[in-house]
Structures are given as structure tokens and as C-alpha cells.
PDB file of N, CA and C in Angstrom:
ATOM      1  N   UNK A   1      84.277 105.684 108.447  1.00  0.00           N
ATOM      2  CA  UNK A   1      84.251 104.301 107.616  1.00  0.00           C
ATOM      3  C   UNK A   1      84.175 103.433 109.173  1.00  0.00           C
ATOM      4  N   UNK A   2      83.717 103.019 109.173  1.00  0.00           N
ATOM      5  CA  UNK A   2      83.846 101.401 110.203  1.00  0.00           C
ATOM      6  C   UNK A   2      85.311 100.350 109.588  1.00  0.00           C
ATOM      7  N   UNK A   3      85.280  99.860 110.322  1.00  0.00           N
ATOM      8  CA  UNK A   3      86.046  98.546 110.178  1.00  0.00           C
ATOM      9  C   UNK A   3      85.175  97.828 109.471  1.00  0.00           C
ATOM     10  N   UNK A   4      84.378  97.152 109.470  1.00  0.00           N
ATOM     11  CA  UNK A   4      83.743  96.381 108.323  1.00  0.00           C
ATOM     12  C   UNK A   4      83.533  97.078 106.748  1.00  0.00           C
ATOM     13  N   UNK A   5      83.410  98.044 106.659  1.00  0.00           N
ATOM     14  CA  UNK A   5      83.135  99.088 105.715  1.00  0.00           C
ATOM     15  C   UNK A   5      84.539  98.945 105.009  1.00  0.00           C
ATOM     16  N   UNK A   6      85.915  99.123 105.484  1.00  0.00           N
ATOM     17  CA  UNK A   6      86.922  98.579 105.279  1.00  0.00           C
ATOM     18  C   UNK A   6      87.579  97.530 104.625  1.00  0.00           C
ATOM     19  N   UNK A   7      87.088  96.723 105.698  1.00  0.00           N
ATOM     20  CA  UNK A   7      88.228  95.679 105.219  1.00  0.00           C
ATOM     21  C   UNK A   7      86.760  94.416 104.006  1.00  0.00           C
ATOM     22  N   UNK A   8      85.648  95.063 103.703  1.00  0.00           N
ATOM     23  CA  UNK A   8      85.183  94.867 102.225  1.00  0.00           C
ATOM     24  C   UNK A   8      85.415  95.366 101.296  1.00  0.00           C
ATOM     25  N   UNK A   9      86.901  96.420 100.830  1.00  0.00           N
ATOM     26  CA  UNK A   9      87.209  96.979  99.985  1.00  0.00           C
ATOM     27  C   UNK A   9      88.606  95.680  99.433  1.00  0.00           C
ATOM     28  N   UNK A  10      89.162  96.014  98.579  1.00  0.00           N
ATOM     29  CA  UNK A  10      90.236  95.612  97.952  1.00  0.00           C
ATOM     30  C   UNK A  10      91.609  95.562  98.727  1.00  0.00           C
ATOM     31  N   UNK A  11      92.274  94.869  98.825  1.00  0.00           N
ATOM     32  CA  UNK A  11      93.617  95.184  99.030  1.00  0.00           C
ATOM     33  C   UNK A  11      94.085  95.941  99.100  1.00  0.00           C
ATOM     34  N   UNK A  12      94.419  96.353  97.222  1.00  0.00           N
ATOM     35  CA  UNK A  12      94.291  98.541  96.848  1.00  0.00           C
ATOM     36  C   UNK A  12      93.943  99.176  97.921  1.00  0.00           C
ATOM     37  N   UNK A  13      92.498  99.372  97.669  1.00  0.00           N
ATOM     38  CA  UNK A  13      91.696 100.517  98.364  1.00  0.00           C
ATOM     39  C   UNK A  13      91.893 100.434 100.014  1.00  0.00           C
ATOM     40  N   UNK A  14      91.806  99.034 100.523  1.00  0.00           N
ATOM     41  CA  UNK A  14      92.593  99.129 102.007  1.00  0.00           C
ATOM     42  C   UNK A  14      93.642 100.406 101.653  1.00  0.00           C
ATOM     43  N   UNK A  15      94.952  99.871 101.359  1.00  0.00           N
ATOM     44  CA  UNK A  15      96.073 100.445 101.124  1.00  0.00           C
ATOM     45  C   UNK A  15      96.207 102.249 101.191  1.00  0.00           C
ATOM     46  N   UNK A  16      95.269 102.357 100.105  1.00  0.00           N
ATOM     47  CA  UNK A  16      94.752 103.981  99.772  1.00  0.00           C
ATOM     48  C   UNK A  16      93.911 104.844 100.577  1.00  0.00           C
ATOM     49  N   UNK A  17      92.939 103.822 100.985  1.00  0.00           N
ATOM     50  CA  UNK A  17      92.221 104.682 102.499  1.00  0.00           C
ATOM     51  C   UNK A  17      93.335 104.844 103.477  1.00  0.00           C
ATOM     52  N   UNK A  18      93.721 103.622 104.020  1.00  0.00           N
ATOM     53  CA  UNK A  18      95.330 103.799 105.419  1.00  0.00           C
ATOM     54  C   UNK A  18      96.099 104.606 105.076  1.00  0.00           C
ATOM     55  N   UNK A  19      96.560 105.077 103.631  1.00  0.00           N
ATOM     56  CA  UNK A  19      97.258 106.241 103.569  1.00  0.00           C
ATOM     57  C   UNK A  19      96.544 107.248 103.698  1.00  0.00           C
ATOM     58  N   UNK A  20      95.765 107.646 103.330  1.00  0.00           N
ATOM     59  CA  UNK A  20      94.891 109.289 102.797  1.00  0.00           C
ATOM     60  C   UNK A  20      94.528 109.237 104.199  1.00  0.00           C
ATOM     61  N   UNK A  21      93.864 109.022 105.274  1.00  0.00           N
ATOM     62  CA  UNK A  21      92.626 108.757 106.124  1.00  0.00           C
ATOM     63  C   UNK A  21      93.472 108.453 107.637  1.00  0.00           C
ATOM     64  N   UNK A  22      94.788 107.686 107.401  1.00  0.00           N
ATOM     65  CA  UNK A  22      94.747 106.791 108.798  1.00  0.00           C
ATOM     66  C   UNK A  22      96.359 108.036 109.156  1.00  0.00           C
ATOM     67  N   UNK A  23      96.345 107.888 110.648  1.00  0.00           N
ATOM     68  CA  UNK A  23      97.922 108.901 111.393  1.00  0.00           C
ATOM     69  C   UNK A  23      99.088 107.026 111.359  1.00  0.00           C
ATOM     70  N   UNK A  24      99.609 107.112 111.169  1.00  0.00           N
ATOM     71  CA  UNK A  24     100.788 106.265 111.333  1.00  0.00           C
ATOM     72  C   UNK A  24     101.251 106.398 113.170  1.00  0.00           C
ATOM     73  N   UNK A  25     100.845 105.222 113.302  1.00  0.00           N
ATOM     74  CA  UNK A  25     101.648 104.747 115.305  1.00  0.00           C
ATOM     75  C   UNK A  25     102.470 103.995 115.120  1.00  0.00           C
ATOM     76  N   UNK A  26     102.960 102.761 114.553  1.00  0.00           N
ATOM     77  CA  UNK A  26     104.215 102.815 114.989  1.00  0.00           C
ATOM     78  C   UNK A  26     104.310 101.561 113.639  1.00  0.00           C
ATOM     79  N   UNK A  27     105.654 100.804 113.705  1.00  0.00           N
ATOM     80  CA  UNK A  27     105.692  99.929 112.831  1.00  0.00           C
ATOM     81  C   UNK A  27     106.994  99.145 113.362  1.00  0.00           C
ATOM     82  N   UNK A  28     106.554  98.032 113.067  1.00  0.00           N
ATOM     83  CA  UNK A  28     108.108  96.513 113.573  1.00  0.00           C
ATOM     84  C   UNK A  28     108.369  95.768 112.610  1.00  0.00           C
ATOM     85  N   UNK A  29     109.363  95.080 113.049  1.00  0.00           N
ATOM     86  CA  UNK A  29     109.016  93.614 111.990  1.00  0.00           C
ATOM     87  C   UNK A  29     109.013  92.829 112.864  1.00  0.00           C
ATOM     88  N   UNK A  30     108.447  91.309 111.920  1.00  0.00           N
ATOM     89  CA  UNK A  30     108.581  89.882 112.677  1.00  0.00           C
ATOM     90  C   UNK A  30     108.208  89.700 110.982  1.00  0.00           C
ATOM     91  N   UNK A  31     109.394  88.558 111.162  1.00  0.00           N
ATOM     92  CA  UNK A  31     109.341  86.960 110.671  1.00  0.00           C
ATOM     93  C   UNK A  31     109.473  87.915 109.316  1.00  0.00           C
ATOM     94  N   UNK A  32     110.387  88.645 109.374  1.00  0.00           N
ATOM     95  CA  UNK A  32     110.815  89.281 107.659  1.00  0.00           C
ATOM     96  C   UNK A  32     110.191  90.030 107.260  1.00  0.00           C
ATOM     97  N   UNK A  33     108.786  90.342 107.607  1.00  0.00           N
ATOM     98  CA  UNK A  33     107.541  91.344 106.929  1.00  0.00           C
ATOM     99  C   UNK A  33     107.884  92.322 108.245  1.00  0.00           C
ATOM    100  N   UNK A  34     107.241  93.267 107.404  1.00  0.00           N
ATOM    101  CA  UNK A  34     107.354  95.345 108.019  1.00  0.00           C
ATOM    102  C   UNK A  34     105.884  95.020 108.390  1.00  0.00           C
ATOM    103  N   UNK A  35     105.244  95.310 109.378  1.00  0.00           N
ATOM    104  CA  UNK A  35     104.367  96.012 109.734  1.00  0.00           C
ATOM    105  C   UNK A  35     104.085  97.091 110.741  1.00  0.00           C
ATOM    106  N   UNK A  36     102.870  97.845 110.061  1.00  0.00           N
ATOM    107  CA  UNK A  36     102.531  99.267 110.077  1.00  0.00           C
ATOM    108  C   UNK A  36     101.318  99.342 110.979  1.00  0.00           C
ATOM    109  N   UNK A  37     101.133  99.997 112.088  1.00  0.00           N
ATOM    110  CA  UNK A  37      99.816 100.286 112.565  1.00  0.00           C
ATOM    111  C   UNK A  37      99.010 101.348 112.439  1.00  0.00           C
ATOM    112  N   UNK A  38      98.265 101.699 111.774  1.00  0.00           N
ATOM    113  CA  UNK A  38      97.562 103.063 111.416  1.00  0.00           C
ATOM    114  C   UNK A  38      96.449 103.102 112.312  1.00  0.00           C
ATOM    115  N   UNK A  39      96.361 104.797 112.977  1.00  0.00           N
ATOM    116  CA  UNK A  39      94.626 105.256 113.753  1.00  0.00           C
ATOM    117  C   UNK A  39      94.063 105.515 112.174  1.00  0.00           C
ATOM    118  N   UNK A  40      92.861 104.734 112.719  1.00  0.00           N
ATOM    119  CA  UNK A  40      91.310 105.441 111.486  1.00  0.00           C
ATOM    120  C   UNK A  40      90.657 106.118 111.686  1.00  0.00           C
ATOM    121  N   UNK A  41      90.819 106.357 113.092  1.00  0.00           N
ATOM    122  CA  UNK A  41      89.747 106.851 113.813  1.00  0.00           C
ATOM    123  C   UNK A  41      88.761 106.530 115.153  1.00  0.00           C
ATOM    124  N   UNK A  42      88.129 105.222 114.868  1.00  0.00           N
ATOM    125  CA  UNK A  42      86.809 104.396 115.286  1.00  0.00           C
ATOM    126  C   UNK A  42      87.796 102.557 115.034  1.00  0.00           C
ATOM    127  N   UNK A  43      88.654 102.815 114.460  1.00  0.00           N
ATOM    128  CA  UNK A  43      89.468 101.470 114.499  1.00  0.00           C
ATOM    129  C   UNK A  43      90.905 101.813 113.994  1.00  0.00           C
ATOM    130  N   UNK A  44      91.417 100.319 113.990  1.00  0.00           N
ATOM    131  CA  UNK A  44      93.127 100.748 113.504  1.00  0.00           C
ATOM    132  C   UNK A  44      93.154 100.242 112.276  1.00  0.00           C
ATOM    133  N   UNK A  45      94.295 100.027 111.565  1.00  0.00           N
ATOM    134  CA  UNK A  45      94.976  99.515 110.249  1.00  0.00           C
ATOM    135  C   UNK A  45      95.976  98.785 110.187  1.00  0.00           C
ATOM    136  N   UNK A  46      96.578  98.324 109.972  1.00  0.00           N
ATOM    137  CA  UNK A  46      97.740  97.358 109.779  1.00  0.00           C
ATOM    138  C   UNK A  46      97.561  96.680 108.535  1.00  0.00           C
ATOM    139  N   UNK A  47      99.270  96.858 108.060  1.00  0.00           N
ATOM    140  CA  UNK A  47      99.943  96.540 106.617  1.00  0.00           C
ATOM    141  C   UNK A  47     101.578  96.092 107.139  1.00  0.00           C
ATOM    142  N   UNK A  48     100.821  95.003 106.294  1.00  0.00           N
ATOM    143  CA  UNK A  48     102.031  93.658 105.929  1.00  0.00           C
ATOM    144  C   UNK A  48     102.734  93.681 104.840  1.00  0.00           C
ATOM    145  N   UNK A  49     104.160  94.095 104.245  1.00  0.00           N
ATOM    146  CA  UNK A  49     104.858  94.615 103.578  1.00  0.00           C
ATOM    147  C   UNK A  49     106.590  93.379 103.649  1.00  0.00           C
ATOM    148  N   UNK A  50     106.600  93.276 102.561  1.00  0.00           N
ATOM    149  CA  UNK A  50     108.263  92.697 102.481  1.00  0.00           C
ATOM    150  C   UNK A  50     109.434  93.653 102.160  1.00  0.00           C
ATOM    151  N   UNK A  51     109.847  94.016 103.178  1.00  0.00           N
ATOM    152  CA  UNK A  51     110.857  95.046 102.991  1.00  0.00           C
ATOM    153  C   UNK A  51     112.055  94.695 101.913  1.00  0.00           C
ATOM    154  N   UNK A  52     112.178  93.353 101.494  1.00  0.00           N
ATOM    155  CA  UNK A  52     112.993  93.531 100.369  1.00  0.00           C
ATOM    156  C   UNK A  52     112.675  94.175  98.762  1.00  0.00           C
ATOM    157  N   UNK A  53     111.148  93.366  98.591  1.00  0.00           N
ATOM    158  CA  UNK A  53     110.199  93.205  97.639  1.00  0.00           C
ATOM    159  C   UNK A  53     109.427  94.876  97.325  1.00  0.00           C
ATOM    160  N   UNK A  54     109.055  95.088  98.777  1.00  0.00           N
ATOM    161  CA  UNK A  54     108.080  96.420  98.519  1.00  0.00           C
ATOM    162  C   UNK A  54     106.734  95.929  98.227  1.00  0.00           C
ATOM    163  N   UNK A  55     106.843  94.143  98.150  1.00  0.00           N
ATOM    164  CA  UNK A  55     105.296  93.272  98.249  1.00  0.00           C
ATOM    165  C   UNK A  55     104.303  93.686  99.368  1.00  0.00           C
ATOM    166  N   UNK A  56     103.247  94.584  99.260  1.00  0.00           N
ATOM    167  CA  UNK A  56     102.224  94.731  99.934  1.00  0.00           C
ATOM    168  C   UNK A  56     100.914  93.458 100.247  1.00  0.00           C
ATOM    169  N   UNK A  57     101.457  92.775 101.082  1.00  0.00           N
ATOM    170  CA  UNK A  57     100.774  91.431 101.352  1.00  0.00           C
ATOM    171  C   UNK A  57      99.257  91.380 102.116  1.00  0.00           C
ATOM    172  N   UNK A  58      99.089  92.083 102.828  1.00  0.00           N
ATOM    173  CA  UNK A  58      97.981  92.346 103.503  1.00  0.00           C
ATOM    174  C   UNK A  58      97.767  93.166 104.633  1.00  0.00           C
ATOM    175  N   UNK A  59      96.808  94.350 104.532  1.00  0.00           N
ATOM    176  CA  UNK A  59      96.406  95.355 105.340  1.00  0.00           C
ATOM    177  C   UNK A  59      94.589  95.457 105.332  1.00  0.00           C
ATOM    178  N   UNK A  60      94.445  95.588 107.272  1.00  0.00           N
ATOM    179  CA  UNK A  60      93.614  94.858 107.414  1.00  0.00           C
ATOM    180  C   UNK A  60      93.111  95.970 108.690  1.00  0.00           C
ATOM    181  N   UNK A  61      91.281  95.819 108.191  1.00  0.00           N
ATOM    182  CA  UNK A  61      91.037  96.661 109.796  1.00  0.00           C
ATOM    183  C   UNK A  61      91.352  96.163 111.380  1.00  0.00           C
ATOM    184  N   UNK A  62      91.094  96.082 112.403  1.00  0.00           N
ATOM    185  CA  UNK A  62      90.850  95.893 113.752  1.00  0.00           C
ATOM    186  C   UNK A  62      90.049  96.585 114.616  1.00  0.00           C
ATOM    187  N   UNK A  63      89.848  96.094 115.651  1.00  0.00           N
ATOM    188  CA  UNK A  63      89.147  97.154 116.380  1.00  0.00           C
ATOM    189  C   UNK A  63      89.465  96.553 118.272  1.00  0.00           C
ATOM    190  N   UNK A  64      90.492  95.419 117.927  1.00  0.00           N
ATOM    191  CA  UNK A  64      91.191  95.193 119.468  1.00  0.00           C
ATOM    192  C   UNK A  64      92.343  95.912 119.763  1.00  0.00           C
ATOM    193  N   UNK A  65      91.597  96.324 121.319  1.00  0.00           N
ATOM    194  CA  UNK A  65      92.614  96.641 122.164  1.00  0.00           C
ATOM    195  C   UNK A  65      94.192  95.998 121.820  1.00  0.00           C
ATOM    196  N   UNK A  66      93.248  95.065 122.314  1.00  0.00           N
ATOM    197  CA  UNK A  66      94.585  93.585 122.130  1.00  0.00           C
ATOM    198  C   UNK A  66      95.501  93.859 120.725  1.00  0.00           C
ATOM    199  N   UNK A  67      94.871  94.303 119.977  1.00  0.00           N
ATOM    200  CA  UNK A  67      95.578  94.383 118.760  1.00  0.00           C
ATOM    201  C   UNK A  67      96.701  95.069 118.841  1.00  0.00           C
ATOM    202  N   UNK A  68      96.448  96.631 119.758  1.00  0.00           N
ATOM    203  CA  UNK A  68      98.631  97.470 119.828  1.00  0.00           C
ATOM    204  C   UNK A  68      99.213  96.837 120.415  1.00  0.00           C
ATOM    205  N   UNK A  69      98.790  95.788 121.460  1.00  0.00           N
ATOM    206  CA  UNK A  69      99.773  95.241 122.185  1.00  0.00           C
ATOM    207  C   UNK A  69     101.653  94.924 121.752  1.00  0.00           C
ATOM    208  N   UNK A  70     101.517  94.163 120.572  1.00  0.00           N
ATOM    209  CA  UNK A  70     102.751  94.176 119.959  1.00  0.00           C
ATOM    210  C   UNK A  70     103.515  95.496 119.623  1.00  0.00           C
ATOM    211  N   UNK A  71     102.483  96.676 119.542  1.00  0.00           N
ATOM    212  CA  UNK A  71     103.065  98.035 119.211  1.00  0.00           C
ATOM    213  C   UNK A  71     103.325  98.909 120.115  1.00  0.00           C
ATOM    214  N   UNK A  72     102.578  98.601 121.434  1.00  0.00           N
ATOM    215  CA  UNK A  72     102.979  99.822 122.579  1.00  0.00           C
ATOM    216  C   UNK A  72     104.102 100.040 123.304  1.00  0.00           C
ATOM    217  N   UNK A  73     105.073  99.463 122.525  1.00  0.00           N
ATOM    218  CA  UNK A  73     106.578 100.315 123.344  1.00  0.00           C
ATOM    219  C   UNK A  73     107.801 100.700 122.117  1.00  0.00           C
ATOM    220  N   UNK A  74     106.412 101.162 120.907  1.00  0.00           N
ATOM    221  CA  UNK A  74     106.450 101.813 119.713  1.00  0.00           C
ATOM    222  C   UNK A  74     106.242 103.403 119.619  1.00  0.00           C
ATOM    223  N   UNK A  75     104.773 102.888 120.251  1.00  0.00           N
ATOM    224  CA  UNK A  75     103.330 103.747 120.197  1.00  0.00           C
ATOM    225  C   UNK A  75     104.675 105.346 121.616  1.00  0.00           C
ATOM    226  N   UNK A  76     104.839 106.133 120.230  1.00  0.00           N
ATOM    227  CA  UNK A  76     104.999 107.488 121.164  1.00  0.00           C
ATOM    228  C   UNK A  76     104.235 108.573 121.344  1.00  0.00           C
ATOM    229  N   UNK A  77     103.473 108.383 122.097  1.00  0.00           N
ATOM    230  CA  UNK A  77     102.231 109.802 122.750  1.00  0.00           C
ATOM    231  C   UNK A  77     102.571 110.476 122.347  1.00  0.00           C
ATOM    232  N   UNK A  78     103.413 111.096 123.373  1.00  0.00           N
ATOM    233  CA  UNK A  78     104.192 111.929 123.527  1.00  0.00           C
ATOM    234  C   UNK A  78     104.473 113.163 122.006  1.00  0.00           C
ATOM    235  N   UNK A  79     105.208 112.217 121.344  1.00  0.00           N
ATOM    236  CA  UNK A  79     105.727 112.876 119.947  1.00  0.00           C
ATOM    237  C   UNK A  79     104.121 113.425 119.120  1.00  0.00           C
ATOM    238  N   UNK A  80     103.316 112.173 119.726  1.00  0.00           N
ATOM    239  CA  UNK A  80     101.981 112.654 118.654  1.00  0.00           C
ATOM    240  C   UNK A  80     100.992 113.812 119.125  1.00  0.00           C
ATOM    241  N   UNK A  81     100.786 114.121 120.517  1.00  0.00           N
ATOM    242  CA  UNK A  81     100.326 114.501 120.953  1.00  0.00           C
ATOM    243  C   UNK A  81     100.850 116.511 120.207  1.00  0.00           C
ATOM    244  N   UNK A  82     101.996 116.678 120.208  1.00  0.00           N
ATOM    245  CA  UNK A  82     102.711 117.302 119.987  1.00  0.00           C
ATOM    246  C   UNK A  82     101.842 117.709 118.582  1.00  0.00           C
ATOM    247  N   UNK A  83     101.431 117.496 117.580  1.00  0.00           N
ATOM    248  CA  UNK A  83     101.314 117.274 116.792  1.00  0.00           C
ATOM    249  C   UNK A  83      99.845 117.850 116.435  1.00  0.00           C
ATOM    250  N   UNK A  84      98.872 117.951 117.991  1.00  0.00           N
ATOM    251  CA  UNK A  84      97.852 118.562 118.104  1.00  0.00           C
ATOM    252  C   UNK A  84      98.150 119.884 118.330  1.00  0.00           C
ATOM    253  N   UNK A  85      98.703 120.776 119.397  1.00  0.00           N
ATOM    254  CA  UNK A  85      99.238 121.824 119.569  1.00  0.00           C
ATOM    255  C   UNK A  85      99.328 122.959 118.870  1.00  0.00           C
TER     256      UNK A  85
END
């Protein structure tokens, strides 16, 4: 799947695809939201949710390396490589 196809799906479908086929890279908080970044193979997916209500307001595909910048300090590459051993 590519980013444009992913983004053409409904919010609910993007959420299901991300959970089923993505690898969680990192999460962070901002302005009362919890944001999670997933590696989807050819692009990244980002989900925004309200941790108090568990309401998911946004799931989108991104393909820019700059999109990873806010997560860089939270992504532990060594831990990720152990899962491939």
C-alpha cells in the first residue's frame, strides 16, 4: 500500500490498517493529545487521540522524513533491531 491509497480510506479504515500492518515506532504528547507514529513500510502513519476520552481524531499517512523529527528522541533503533534477530 502507498500513502495516497492509505489516505483515501475512511478514518476507521486507516486506523485498522495502521494497527494491523504498521509497526509502532514512538508516541508523544502535545496539546492534550497522544500521537503515535507507525512504520507502514513505504510511508509513516500518525494517529492523534485524546487520552482522556480515547477519541481518535486523526489518522494520516506521511512520507516525509521531516515528519519523524518530533519523534527522533523517542525512537529506540536498537530495541527495534532485536525484533529482527
